[in-house]
């Protein structure tokens, strides 16, 4: 990973920000900024939230909620996969034990 940082200009709700990041993360930063800008525009255009700071907080809360939901699904999926793996291991061990008994 490079230690050089590149300066990237991003626009969010007609305000320009300058952010430093490693060159290899530039594309991801620009994609993230565009995603954030779209979400903040949606919140602003709904007319329910006024003020840049409040719009930013609402966007952050929405992102945090989305993240927690995804984490919950990941944990549920992880538990399901772990359970299935245990079952498969038990079946394999049972089959191997039967095979060893037949060979004796």
PDB file of N, CA and C in Angstrom:
ATOM      1  N   UNK A   1       0.836  -1.172   0.000  1.00  0.00           N
ATOM      2  CA  UNK A   1       0.000   0.000   0.000  1.00  0.00           C
ATOM      3  C   UNK A   1       0.888   1.245   0.000  1.00  0.00           C
ATOM      4  N   UNK A   2       0.509   2.200  -0.782  1.00  0.00           N
ATOM      5  CA  UNK A   2       1.295   3.418  -0.905  1.00  0.00           C
ATOM      6  C   UNK A   2       1.093   4.337   0.298  1.00  0.00           C
ATOM      7  N   UNK A   3       2.157   5.049   0.681  1.00  0.00           N
ATOM      8  CA  UNK A   3       2.033   6.020   1.767  1.00  0.00           C
ATOM      9  C   UNK A   3       1.746   7.408   1.231  1.00  0.00           C
ATOM     10  N   UNK A   4       1.825   7.589  -0.100  1.00  0.00           N
ATOM     11  CA  UNK A   4       1.503   8.871  -0.706  1.00  0.00           C
ATOM     12  C   UNK A   4      -0.004   9.078  -0.684  1.00  0.00           C
ATOM     13  N   UNK A   5      -0.403  10.299  -0.392  1.00  0.00           N
ATOM     14  CA  UNK A   5      -1.818  10.629  -0.387  1.00  0.00           C
ATOM     15  C   UNK A   5      -2.116  11.555  -1.551  1.00  0.00           C
ATOM     16  N   UNK A   6      -3.264  11.360  -2.145  1.00  0.00           N
ATOM     17  CA  UNK A   6      -3.684  12.281  -3.191  1.00  0.00           C
ATOM     18  C   UNK A   6      -4.847  13.100  -2.663  1.00  0.00           C
ATOM     19  N   UNK A   7      -4.950  14.302  -3.149  1.00  0.00           N
ATOM     20  CA  UNK A   7      -6.011  15.200  -2.709  1.00  0.00           C
ATOM     21  C   UNK A   7      -7.169  15.069  -3.690  1.00  0.00           C
ATOM     22  N   UNK A   8      -8.356  14.827  -3.150  1.00  0.00           N
ATOM     23  CA  UNK A   8      -9.536  14.608  -3.970  1.00  0.00           C
ATOM     24  C   UNK A   8     -10.577  15.654  -3.606  1.00  0.00           C
ATOM     25  N   UNK A   9     -11.176  16.259  -4.617  1.00  0.00           N
ATOM     26  CA  UNK A   9     -12.262  17.214  -4.392  1.00  0.00           C
ATOM     27  C   UNK A   9     -13.586  16.501  -4.602  1.00  0.00           C
ATOM     28  N   UNK A  10     -14.477  16.639  -3.632  1.00  0.00           N
ATOM     29  CA  UNK A  10     -15.810  16.056  -3.753  1.00  0.00           C
ATOM     30  C   UNK A  10     -16.839  17.141  -3.493  1.00  0.00           C
ATOM     31  N   UNK A  11     -18.016  16.990  -4.095  1.00  0.00           N
ATOM     32  CA  UNK A  11     -19.101  17.948  -3.893  1.00  0.00           C
ATOM     33  C   UNK A  11     -20.279  17.219  -3.263  1.00  0.00           C
ATOM     34  N   UNK A  12     -20.753  17.776  -2.172  1.00  0.00           N
ATOM     35  CA  UNK A  12     -21.930  17.236  -1.500  1.00  0.00           C
ATOM     36  C   UNK A  12     -22.860  18.398  -1.231  1.00  0.00           C
ATOM     37  N   UNK A  13     -24.047  18.311  -1.791  1.00  0.00           N
ATOM     38  CA  UNK A  13     -25.052  19.376  -1.686  1.00  0.00           C
ATOM     39  C   UNK A  13     -24.457  20.748  -2.005  1.00  0.00           C
ATOM     40  N   UNK A  14     -23.839  20.824  -3.169  1.00  0.00           N
ATOM     41  CA  UNK A  14     -23.271  22.059  -3.701  1.00  0.00           C
ATOM     42  C   UNK A  14     -22.125  22.643  -2.867  1.00  0.00           C
ATOM     43  N   UNK A  15     -21.609  21.894  -1.928  1.00  0.00           N
ATOM     44  CA  UNK A  15     -20.434  22.335  -1.166  1.00  0.00           C
ATOM     45  C   UNK A  15     -19.257  21.455  -1.563  1.00  0.00           C
ATOM     46  N   UNK A  16     -18.114  22.105  -1.730  1.00  0.00           N
ATOM     47  CA  UNK A  16     -16.923  21.364  -2.125  1.00  0.00           C
ATOM     48  C   UNK A  16     -16.074  21.063  -0.895  1.00  0.00           C
ATOM     49  N   UNK A  17     -15.575  19.834  -0.853  1.00  0.00           N
ATOM     50  CA  UNK A  17     -14.709  19.384   0.230  1.00  0.00           C
ATOM     51  C   UNK A  17     -13.452  18.798  -0.392  1.00  0.00           C
ATOM     52  N   UNK A  18     -12.333  18.986   0.272  1.00  0.00           N
ATOM     53  CA  UNK A  18     -11.069  18.414  -0.168  1.00  0.00           C
ATOM     54  C   UNK A  18     -10.676  17.343   0.846  1.00  0.00           C
ATOM     55  N   UNK A  19     -10.424  16.156   0.331  1.00  0.00           N
ATOM     56  CA  UNK A  19     -10.128  15.009   1.179  1.00  0.00           C
ATOM     57  C   UNK A  19      -8.853  14.352   0.671  1.00  0.00           C
ATOM     58  N   UNK A  20      -8.003  13.937   1.582  1.00  0.00           N
ATOM     59  CA  UNK A  20      -6.799  13.202   1.209  1.00  0.00           C
ATOM     60  C   UNK A  20      -7.034  11.718   1.404  1.00  0.00           C
ATOM     61  N   UNK A  21      -6.536  10.947   0.448  1.00  0.00           N
ATOM     62  CA  UNK A  21      -6.657   9.493   0.567  1.00  0.00           C
ATOM     63  C   UNK A  21      -5.571   8.851  -0.275  1.00  0.00           C
ATOM     64  N   UNK A  22      -5.259   7.586  -0.007  1.00  0.00           N
ATOM     65  CA  UNK A  22      -4.304   6.872  -0.851  1.00  0.00           C
ATOM     66  C   UNK A  22      -4.848   6.782  -2.279  1.00  0.00           C
ATOM     67  N   UNK A  23      -3.990   6.849  -3.255  1.00  0.00           N
ATOM     68  CA  UNK A  23      -4.443   6.820  -4.657  1.00  0.00           C
ATOM     69  C   UNK A  23      -5.315   5.605  -4.989  1.00  0.00           C
ATOM     70  N   UNK A  24      -5.004   4.474  -4.403  1.00  0.00           N
ATOM     71  CA  UNK A  24      -5.783   3.266  -4.710  1.00  0.00           C
ATOM     72  C   UNK A  24      -7.199   3.295  -4.122  1.00  0.00           C
ATOM     73  N   UNK A  25      -7.472   4.237  -3.222  1.00  0.00           N
ATOM     74  CA  UNK A  25      -8.801   4.361  -2.631  1.00  0.00           C
ATOM     75  C   UNK A  25      -9.607   5.509  -3.233  1.00  0.00           C
ATOM     76  N   UNK A  26      -9.034   6.189  -4.210  1.00  0.00           N
ATOM     77  CA  UNK A  26      -9.676   7.363  -4.812  1.00  0.00           C
ATOM     78  C   UNK A  26     -11.050   7.025  -5.406  1.00  0.00           C
ATOM     79  N   UNK A  27     -11.120   5.973  -6.193  1.00  0.00           N
ATOM     80  CA  UNK A  27     -12.375   5.598  -6.843  1.00  0.00           C
ATOM     81  C   UNK A  27     -13.453   5.275  -5.810  1.00  0.00           C
ATOM     82  N   UNK A  28     -13.072   4.563  -4.764  1.00  0.00           N
ATOM     83  CA  UNK A  28     -14.037   4.216  -3.714  1.00  0.00           C
ATOM     84  C   UNK A  28     -14.516   5.464  -2.988  1.00  0.00           C
ATOM     85  N   UNK A  29     -13.606   6.413  -2.757  1.00  0.00           N
ATOM     86  CA  UNK A  29     -13.986   7.668  -2.108  1.00  0.00           C
ATOM     87  C   UNK A  29     -14.978   8.445  -2.972  1.00  0.00           C
ATOM     88  N   UNK A  30     -14.699   8.535  -4.264  1.00  0.00           N
ATOM     89  CA  UNK A  30     -15.605   9.251  -5.162  1.00  0.00           C
ATOM     90  C   UNK A  30     -16.971   8.577  -5.231  1.00  0.00           C
ATOM     91  N   UNK A  31     -16.990   7.244  -5.264  1.00  0.00           N
ATOM     92  CA  UNK A  31     -18.261   6.510  -5.264  1.00  0.00           C
ATOM     93  C   UNK A  31     -19.025   6.751  -3.969  1.00  0.00           C
ATOM     94  N   UNK A  32     -18.312   6.740  -2.848  1.00  0.00           N
ATOM     95  CA  UNK A  32     -18.948   6.982  -1.545  1.00  0.00           C
ATOM     96  C   UNK A  32     -19.524   8.386  -1.471  1.00  0.00           C
ATOM     97  N   UNK A  33     -18.771   9.353  -1.959  1.00  0.00           N
ATOM     98  CA  UNK A  33     -19.236  10.739  -1.941  1.00  0.00           C
ATOM     99  C   UNK A  33     -20.476  10.903  -2.808  1.00  0.00           C
ATOM    100  N   UNK A  34     -20.499  10.272  -3.961  1.00  0.00           N
ATOM    101  CA  UNK A  34     -21.670  10.354  -4.837  1.00  0.00           C
ATOM    102  C   UNK A  34     -22.883   9.705  -4.192  1.00  0.00           C
ATOM    103  N   UNK A  35     -22.661   8.571  -3.549  1.00  0.00           N
ATOM    104  CA  UNK A  35     -23.744   7.878  -2.856  1.00  0.00           C
ATOM    105  C   UNK A  35     -24.307   8.752  -1.736  1.00  0.00           C
ATOM    106  N   UNK A  36     -23.420   9.335  -0.942  1.00  0.00           N
ATOM    107  CA  UNK A  36     -23.832  10.225   0.139  1.00  0.00           C
ATOM    108  C   UNK A  36     -24.576  11.432  -0.410  1.00  0.00           C
ATOM    109  N   UNK A  37     -24.062  12.018  -1.461  1.00  0.00           N
ATOM    110  CA  UNK A  37     -24.705  13.180  -2.067  1.00  0.00           C
ATOM    111  C   UNK A  37     -26.130  12.841  -2.513  1.00  0.00           C
ATOM    112  N   UNK A  38     -26.311  11.690  -3.160  1.00  0.00           N
ATOM    113  CA  UNK A  38     -27.652  11.278  -3.597  1.00  0.00           C
ATOM    114  C   UNK A  38     -28.599  11.125  -2.416  1.00  0.00           C
ATOM    115  N   UNK A  39     -28.125  10.462  -1.364  1.00  0.00           N
ATOM    116  CA  UNK A  39     -28.985  10.244  -0.193  1.00  0.00           C
ATOM    117  C   UNK A  39     -29.347  11.566   0.482  1.00  0.00           C
ATOM    118  N   UNK A  40     -28.370  12.458   0.598  1.00  0.00           N
ATOM    119  CA  UNK A  40     -28.643  13.745   1.228  1.00  0.00           C
ATOM    120  C   UNK A  40     -29.596  14.581   0.379  1.00  0.00           C
ATOM    121  N   UNK A  41     -29.495  14.500  -0.944  1.00  0.00           N
ATOM    122  CA  UNK A  41     -30.432  15.207  -1.827  1.00  0.00           C
ATOM    123  C   UNK A  41     -31.844  14.674  -1.634  1.00  0.00           C
ATOM    124  N   UNK A  42     -31.965  13.345  -1.537  1.00  0.00           N
ATOM    125  CA  UNK A  42     -33.280  12.737  -1.319  1.00  0.00           C
ATOM    126  C   UNK A  42     -33.898  13.258  -0.027  1.00  0.00           C
ATOM    127  N   UNK A  43     -33.099  13.316   1.024  1.00  0.00           N
ATOM    128  CA  UNK A  43     -33.599  13.811   2.317  1.00  0.00           C
ATOM    129  C   UNK A  43     -33.990  15.270   2.199  1.00  0.00           C
ATOM    130  N   UNK A  44     -33.124  16.070   1.594  1.00  0.00           N
ATOM    131  CA  UNK A  44     -33.411  17.500   1.426  1.00  0.00           C
ATOM    132  C   UNK A  44     -34.663  17.711   0.583  1.00  0.00           C
ATOM    133  N   UNK A  45     -34.766  16.975  -0.528  1.00  0.00           N
ATOM    134  CA  UNK A  45     -35.888  17.152  -1.452  1.00  0.00           C
ATOM    135  C   UNK A  45     -37.212  16.663  -0.884  1.00  0.00           C
ATOM    136  N   UNK A  46     -37.158  15.832   0.142  1.00  0.00           N
ATOM    137  CA  UNK A  46     -38.404  15.377   0.776  1.00  0.00           C
ATOM    138  C   UNK A  46     -39.099  16.525   1.497  1.00  0.00           C
ATOM    139  N   UNK A  47     -38.310  17.555   1.841  1.00  0.00           N
ATOM    140  CA  UNK A  47     -38.875  18.725   2.508  1.00  0.00           C
ATOM    141  C   UNK A  47     -39.138  18.539   3.987  1.00  0.00           C
ATOM    142  N   UNK A  48     -38.819  17.373   4.522  1.00  0.00           N
ATOM    143  CA  UNK A  48     -39.093  17.105   5.934  1.00  0.00           C
ATOM    144  C   UNK A  48     -37.958  17.557   6.842  1.00  0.00           C
ATOM    145  N   UNK A  49     -36.756  17.729   6.273  1.00  0.00           N
ATOM    146  CA  UNK A  49     -35.582  18.099   7.064  1.00  0.00           C
ATOM    147  C   UNK A  49     -34.952  19.331   6.430  1.00  0.00           C
ATOM    148  N   UNK A  50     -34.682  20.342   7.258  1.00  0.00           N
ATOM    149  CA  UNK A  50     -34.101  21.586   6.767  1.00  0.00           C
ATOM    150  C   UNK A  50     -32.753  21.807   7.454  1.00  0.00           C
ATOM    151  N   UNK A  51     -31.784  22.260   6.700  1.00  0.00           N
ATOM    152  CA  UNK A  51     -30.465  22.560   7.255  1.00  0.00           C
ATOM    153  C   UNK A  51     -29.480  21.461   6.949  1.00  0.00           C
ATOM    154  N   UNK A  52     -28.306  21.884   6.485  1.00  0.00           N
ATOM    155  CA  UNK A  52     -27.279  20.930   6.069  1.00  0.00           C
ATOM    156  C   UNK A  52     -26.880  19.982   7.199  1.00  0.00           C
ATOM    157  N   UNK A  53     -26.719  20.506   8.413  1.00  0.00           N
ATOM    158  CA  UNK A  53     -26.296  19.645   9.522  1.00  0.00           C
ATOM    159  C   UNK A  53     -27.359  18.611   9.849  1.00  0.00           C
ATOM    160  N   UNK A  54     -28.617  18.984   9.802  1.00  0.00           N
ATOM    161  CA  UNK A  54     -29.695  18.029  10.091  1.00  0.00           C
ATOM    162  C   UNK A  54     -29.820  16.989   8.985  1.00  0.00           C
ATOM    163  N   UNK A  55     -29.647  17.424   7.748  1.00  0.00           N
ATOM    164  CA  UNK A  55     -29.683  16.484   6.630  1.00  0.00           C
ATOM    165  C   UNK A  55     -28.543  15.484   6.772  1.00  0.00           C
ATOM    166  N   UNK A  56     -27.358  15.964   7.131  1.00  0.00           N
ATOM    167  CA  UNK A  56     -26.199  15.079   7.310  1.00  0.00           C
ATOM    168  C   UNK A  56     -26.448  14.084   8.438  1.00  0.00           C
ATOM    169  N   UNK A  57     -27.043  14.541   9.536  1.00  0.00           N
ATOM    170  CA  UNK A  57     -27.332  13.644  10.656  1.00  0.00           C
ATOM    171  C   UNK A  57     -28.354  12.591  10.242  1.00  0.00           C
ATOM    172  N   UNK A  58     -29.383  13.002   9.510  1.00  0.00           N
ATOM    173  CA  UNK A  58     -30.387  12.033   9.060  1.00  0.00           C
ATOM    174  C   UNK A  58     -29.771  11.007   8.110  1.00  0.00           C
ATOM    175  N   UNK A  59     -28.902  11.462   7.217  1.00  0.00           N
ATOM    176  CA  UNK A  59     -28.219  10.526   6.311  1.00  0.00           C
ATOM    177  C   UNK A  59     -27.355   9.559   7.110  1.00  0.00           C
ATOM    178  N   UNK A  60     -26.629  10.077   8.099  1.00  0.00           N
ATOM    179  CA  UNK A  60     -25.778   9.223   8.938  1.00  0.00           C
ATOM    180  C   UNK A  60     -26.620   8.201   9.702  1.00  0.00           C
ATOM    181  N   UNK A  61     -27.759   8.626  10.226  1.00  0.00           N
ATOM    182  CA  UNK A  61     -28.641   7.692  10.934  1.00  0.00           C
ATOM    183  C   UNK A  61     -29.171   6.615   9.992  1.00  0.00           C
ATOM    184  N   UNK A  62     -29.524   7.007   8.781  1.00  0.00           N
ATOM    185  CA  UNK A  62     -29.995   6.028   7.801  1.00  0.00           C
ATOM    186  C   UNK A  62     -28.897   5.028   7.461  1.00  0.00           C
ATOM    187  N   UNK A  63     -27.663   5.522   7.266  1.00  0.00           N
ATOM    188  CA  UNK A  63     -26.546   4.624   6.971  1.00  0.00           C
ATOM    189  C   UNK A  63     -26.265   3.691   8.145  1.00  0.00           C
ATOM    190  N   UNK A  64     -26.306   4.229   9.365  1.00  0.00           N
ATOM    191  CA  UNK A  64     -26.058   3.407  10.549  1.00  0.00           C
ATOM    192  C   UNK A  64     -27.124   2.321  10.670  1.00  0.00           C
ATOM    193  N   UNK A  65     -28.372   2.681  10.424  1.00  0.00           N
ATOM    194  CA  UNK A  65     -29.454   1.703  10.475  1.00  0.00           C
ATOM    195  C   UNK A  65     -29.254   0.624   9.421  1.00  0.00           C
ATOM    196  N   UNK A  66     -28.916   1.024   8.202  1.00  0.00           N
ATOM    197  CA  UNK A  66     -28.651   0.048   7.138  1.00  0.00           C
ATOM    198  C   UNK A  66     -27.513  -0.888   7.525  1.00  0.00           C
ATOM    199  N   UNK A  67     -26.441  -0.332   8.082  1.00  0.00           N
ATOM    200  CA  UNK A  67     -25.289  -1.128   8.488  1.00  0.00           C
ATOM    201  C   UNK A  67     -25.674  -2.150   9.554  1.00  0.00           C
ATOM    202  N   UNK A  68     -26.437  -1.721  10.551  1.00  0.00           N
ATOM    203  CA  UNK A  68     -26.840  -2.630  11.619  1.00  0.00           C
ATOM    204  C   UNK A  68     -27.748  -3.739  11.092  1.00  0.00           C
ATOM    205  N   UNK A  69     -28.615  -3.410  10.146  1.00  0.00           N
ATOM    206  CA  UNK A  69     -29.473  -4.447   9.560  1.00  0.00           C
ATOM    207  C   UNK A  69     -28.645  -5.468   8.785  1.00  0.00           C
ATOM    208  N   UNK A  70     -27.668  -4.993   8.026  1.00  0.00           N
ATOM    209  CA  UNK A  70     -26.811  -5.898   7.262  1.00  0.00           C
ATOM    210  C   UNK A  70     -25.994  -6.772   8.209  1.00  0.00           C
ATOM    211  N   UNK A  71     -25.471  -6.166   9.268  1.00  0.00           N
ATOM    212  CA  UNK A  71     -24.711  -6.955  10.252  1.00  0.00           C
ATOM    213  C   UNK A  71     -25.587  -8.027  10.874  1.00  0.00           C
ATOM    214  N   UNK A  72     -26.830  -7.685  11.180  1.00  0.00           N
ATOM    215  CA  UNK A  72     -27.753  -8.663  11.759  1.00  0.00           C
ATOM    216  C   UNK A  72     -28.003  -9.814  10.803  1.00  0.00           C
ATOM    217  N   UNK A  73     -28.185  -9.498   9.521  1.00  0.00           N
ATOM    218  CA  UNK A  73     -28.382 -10.554   8.525  1.00  0.00           C
ATOM    219  C   UNK A  73     -27.122 -11.402   8.393  1.00  0.00           C
ATOM    220  N   UNK A  74     -25.951 -10.748   8.429  1.00  0.00           N
ATOM    221  CA  UNK A  74     -24.685 -11.482   8.333  1.00  0.00           C
ATOM    222  C   UNK A  74     -24.525 -12.440   9.504  1.00  0.00           C
ATOM    223  N   UNK A  75     -24.848 -11.963  10.713  1.00  0.00           N
ATOM    224  CA  UNK A  75     -24.726 -12.819  11.899  1.00  0.00           C
ATOM    225  C   UNK A  75     -25.682 -13.995  11.808  1.00  0.00           C
ATOM    226  N   UNK A  76     -26.900 -13.739  11.333  1.00  0.00           N
ATOM    227  CA  UNK A  76     -27.881 -14.807  11.184  1.00  0.00           C
ATOM    228  C   UNK A  76     -27.413 -15.828  10.157  1.00  0.00           C
ATOM    229  N   UNK A  77     -26.893 -15.337   9.046  1.00  0.00           N
ATOM    230  CA  UNK A  77     -26.382 -16.217   8.003  1.00  0.00           C
ATOM    231  C   UNK A  77     -25.190 -17.018   8.522  1.00  0.00           C
ATOM    232  N   UNK A  78     -24.328 -16.357   9.276  1.00  0.00           N
ATOM    233  CA  UNK A  78     -23.148 -17.018   9.837  1.00  0.00           C
ATOM    234  C   UNK A  78     -23.564 -18.158  10.765  1.00  0.00           C
ATOM    235  N   UNK A  79     -24.563 -17.917  11.606  1.00  0.00           N
ATOM    236  CA  UNK A  79     -25.051 -18.961  12.513  1.00  0.00           C
ATOM    237  C   UNK A  79     -25.646 -20.118  11.722  1.00  0.00           C
ATOM    238  N   UNK A  80     -26.388 -19.791  10.673  1.00  0.00           N
ATOM    239  CA  UNK A  80     -26.999 -20.826   9.842  1.00  0.00           C
ATOM    240  C   UNK A  80     -25.925 -21.678   9.168  1.00  0.00           C
ATOM    241  N   UNK A  81     -24.915 -21.040   8.612  1.00  0.00           N
ATOM    242  CA  UNK A  81     -23.834 -21.758   7.945  1.00  0.00           C
ATOM    243  C   UNK A  81     -23.079 -22.620   8.952  1.00  0.00           C
ATOM    244  N   UNK A  82     -22.818 -22.072  10.147  1.00  0.00           N
ATOM    245  CA  UNK A  82     -22.104 -22.836  11.175  1.00  0.00           C
ATOM    246  C   UNK A  82     -22.910 -24.074  11.570  1.00  0.00           C
ATOM    247  N   UNK A  83     -24.200 -23.919  11.700  1.00  0.00           N
ATOM    248  CA  UNK A  83     -25.060 -25.057  12.048  1.00  0.00           C
ATOM    249  C   UNK A  83     -25.036 -26.120  10.961  1.00  0.00           C
ATOM    250  N   UNK A  84     -25.101 -25.685   9.726  1.00  0.00           N
ATOM    251  CA  UNK A  84     -25.062 -26.636   8.608  1.00  0.00           C
ATOM    252  C   UNK A  84     -23.716 -27.353   8.527  1.00  0.00           C
ATOM    253  N   UNK A  85     -22.642 -26.614   8.784  1.00  0.00           N
ATOM    254  CA  UNK A  85     -21.316 -27.239   8.771  1.00  0.00           C
ATOM    255  C   UNK A  85     -21.189 -28.288   9.872  1.00  0.00           C
ATOM    256  N   UNK A  86     -21.724 -27.959  11.059  1.00  0.00           N
ATOM    257  CA  UNK A  86     -21.698 -28.942  12.161  1.00  0.00           C
ATOM    258  C   UNK A  86     -22.443 -30.210  11.756  1.00  0.00           C
ATOM    259  N   UNK A  87     -23.606 -30.036  11.147  1.00  0.00           N
ATOM    260  CA  UNK A  87     -24.402 -31.186  10.723  1.00  0.00           C
ATOM    261  C   UNK A  87     -23.649 -32.018   9.691  1.00  0.00           C
ATOM    262  N   UNK A  88     -23.027 -31.335   8.726  1.00  0.00           N
ATOM    263  CA  UNK A  88     -22.254 -32.059   7.709  1.00  0.00           C
ATOM    264  C   UNK A  88     -21.070 -32.808   8.322  1.00  0.00           C
ATOM    265  N   UNK A  89     -20.391 -32.168   9.270  1.00  0.00           N
ATOM    266  CA  UNK A  89     -19.262 -32.825   9.942  1.00  0.00           C
ATOM    267  C   UNK A  89     -19.731 -34.063  10.702  1.00  0.00           C
ATOM    268  N   UNK A  90     -20.857 -33.939  11.388  1.00  0.00           N
ATOM    269  CA  UNK A  90     -21.397 -35.077  12.135  1.00  0.00           C
ATOM    270  C   UNK A  90     -21.752 -36.221  11.188  1.00  0.00           C
ATOM    271  N   UNK A  91     -22.365 -35.887  10.052  1.00  0.00           N
ATOM    272  CA  UNK A  91     -22.714 -36.918   9.068  1.00  0.00           C
ATOM    273  C   UNK A  91     -21.453 -37.582   8.510  1.00  0.00           C
ATOM    274  N   UNK A  92     -20.447 -36.760   8.213  1.00  0.00           N
ATOM    275  CA  UNK A  92     -19.197 -37.312   7.682  1.00  0.00           C
ATOM    276  C   UNK A  92     -18.536 -38.214   8.705  1.00  0.00           C
ATOM    277  N   UNK A  93     -18.500 -37.793   9.961  1.00  0.00           N
ATOM    278  CA  UNK A  93     -17.893 -38.605  11.015  1.00  0.00           C
ATOM    279  C   UNK A  93     -18.656 -39.913  11.198  1.00  0.00           C
ATOM    280  N   UNK A  94     -19.977 -39.856  11.128  1.00  0.00           N
ATOM    281  CA  UNK A  94     -20.803 -41.060  11.261  1.00  0.00           C
ATOM    282  C   UNK A  94     -20.526 -42.006  10.098  1.00  0.00           C
ATOM    283  N   UNK A  95     -20.463 -41.446   8.886  1.00  0.00           N
ATOM    284  CA  UNK A  95     -20.202 -42.278   7.703  1.00  0.00           C
ATOM    285  C   UNK A  95     -18.820 -42.902   7.783  1.00  0.00           C
ATOM    286  N   UNK A  96     -17.832 -42.129   8.224  1.00  0.00           N
ATOM    287  CA  UNK A  96     -16.475 -42.659   8.355  1.00  0.00           C
ATOM    288  C   UNK A  96     -16.421 -43.740   9.425  1.00  0.00           C
ATOM    289  N   UNK A  97     -17.114 -43.527  10.517  1.00  0.00           N
ATOM    290  CA  UNK A  97     -17.123 -44.531  11.588  1.00  0.00           C
ATOM    291  C   UNK A  97     -17.763 -45.823  11.095  1.00  0.00           C
ATOM    292  N   UNK A  98     -18.829 -45.722  10.335  1.00  0.00           N
ATOM    293  CA  UNK A  98     -19.478 -46.922   9.783  1.00  0.00           C
ATOM    294  C   UNK A  98     -18.532 -47.627   8.813  1.00  0.00           C
ATOM    295  N   UNK A  99     -17.831 -46.852   8.010  1.00  0.00           N
ATOM    296  CA  UNK A  99     -16.878 -47.413   7.060  1.00  0.00           C
ATOM    297  C   UNK A  99     -15.763 -48.143   7.757  1.00  0.00           C
ATOM    298  N   UNK A 100     -15.255 -47.605   8.851  1.00  0.00           N
ATOM    299  CA  UNK A 100     -14.183 -48.230   9.597  1.00  0.00           C
ATOM    300  C   UNK A 100     -14.679 -49.500  10.255  1.00  0.00           C
ATOM    301  N   UNK A 101     -15.924 -49.526  10.718  1.00  0.00           N
ATOM    302  CA  UNK A 101     -16.471 -50.714  11.347  1.00  0.00           C
ATOM    303  C   UNK A 101     -16.610 -51.847  10.325  1.00  0.00           C
ATOM    304  N   UNK A 102     -16.988 -51.498   9.092  1.00  0.00           N
ATOM    305  CA  UNK A 102     -17.141 -52.509   8.070  1.00  0.00           C
ATOM    306  C   UNK A 102     -15.790 -53.118   7.682  1.00  0.00           C
ATOM    307  N   UNK A 103     -14.753 -52.312   7.678  1.00  0.00           N
ATOM    308  CA  UNK A 103     -13.432 -52.796   7.276  1.00  0.00           C
ATOM    309  C   UNK A 103     -12.836 -53.726   8.323  1.00  0.00           C
ATOM    310  N   UNK A 104     -13.184 -53.574   9.581  1.00  0.00           N
ATOM    311  CA  UNK A 104     -12.626 -54.421  10.623  1.00  0.00           C
ATOM    312  C   UNK A 104     -13.224 -55.767  10.510  1.00  0.00           C
TER     313      UNK A 104
END
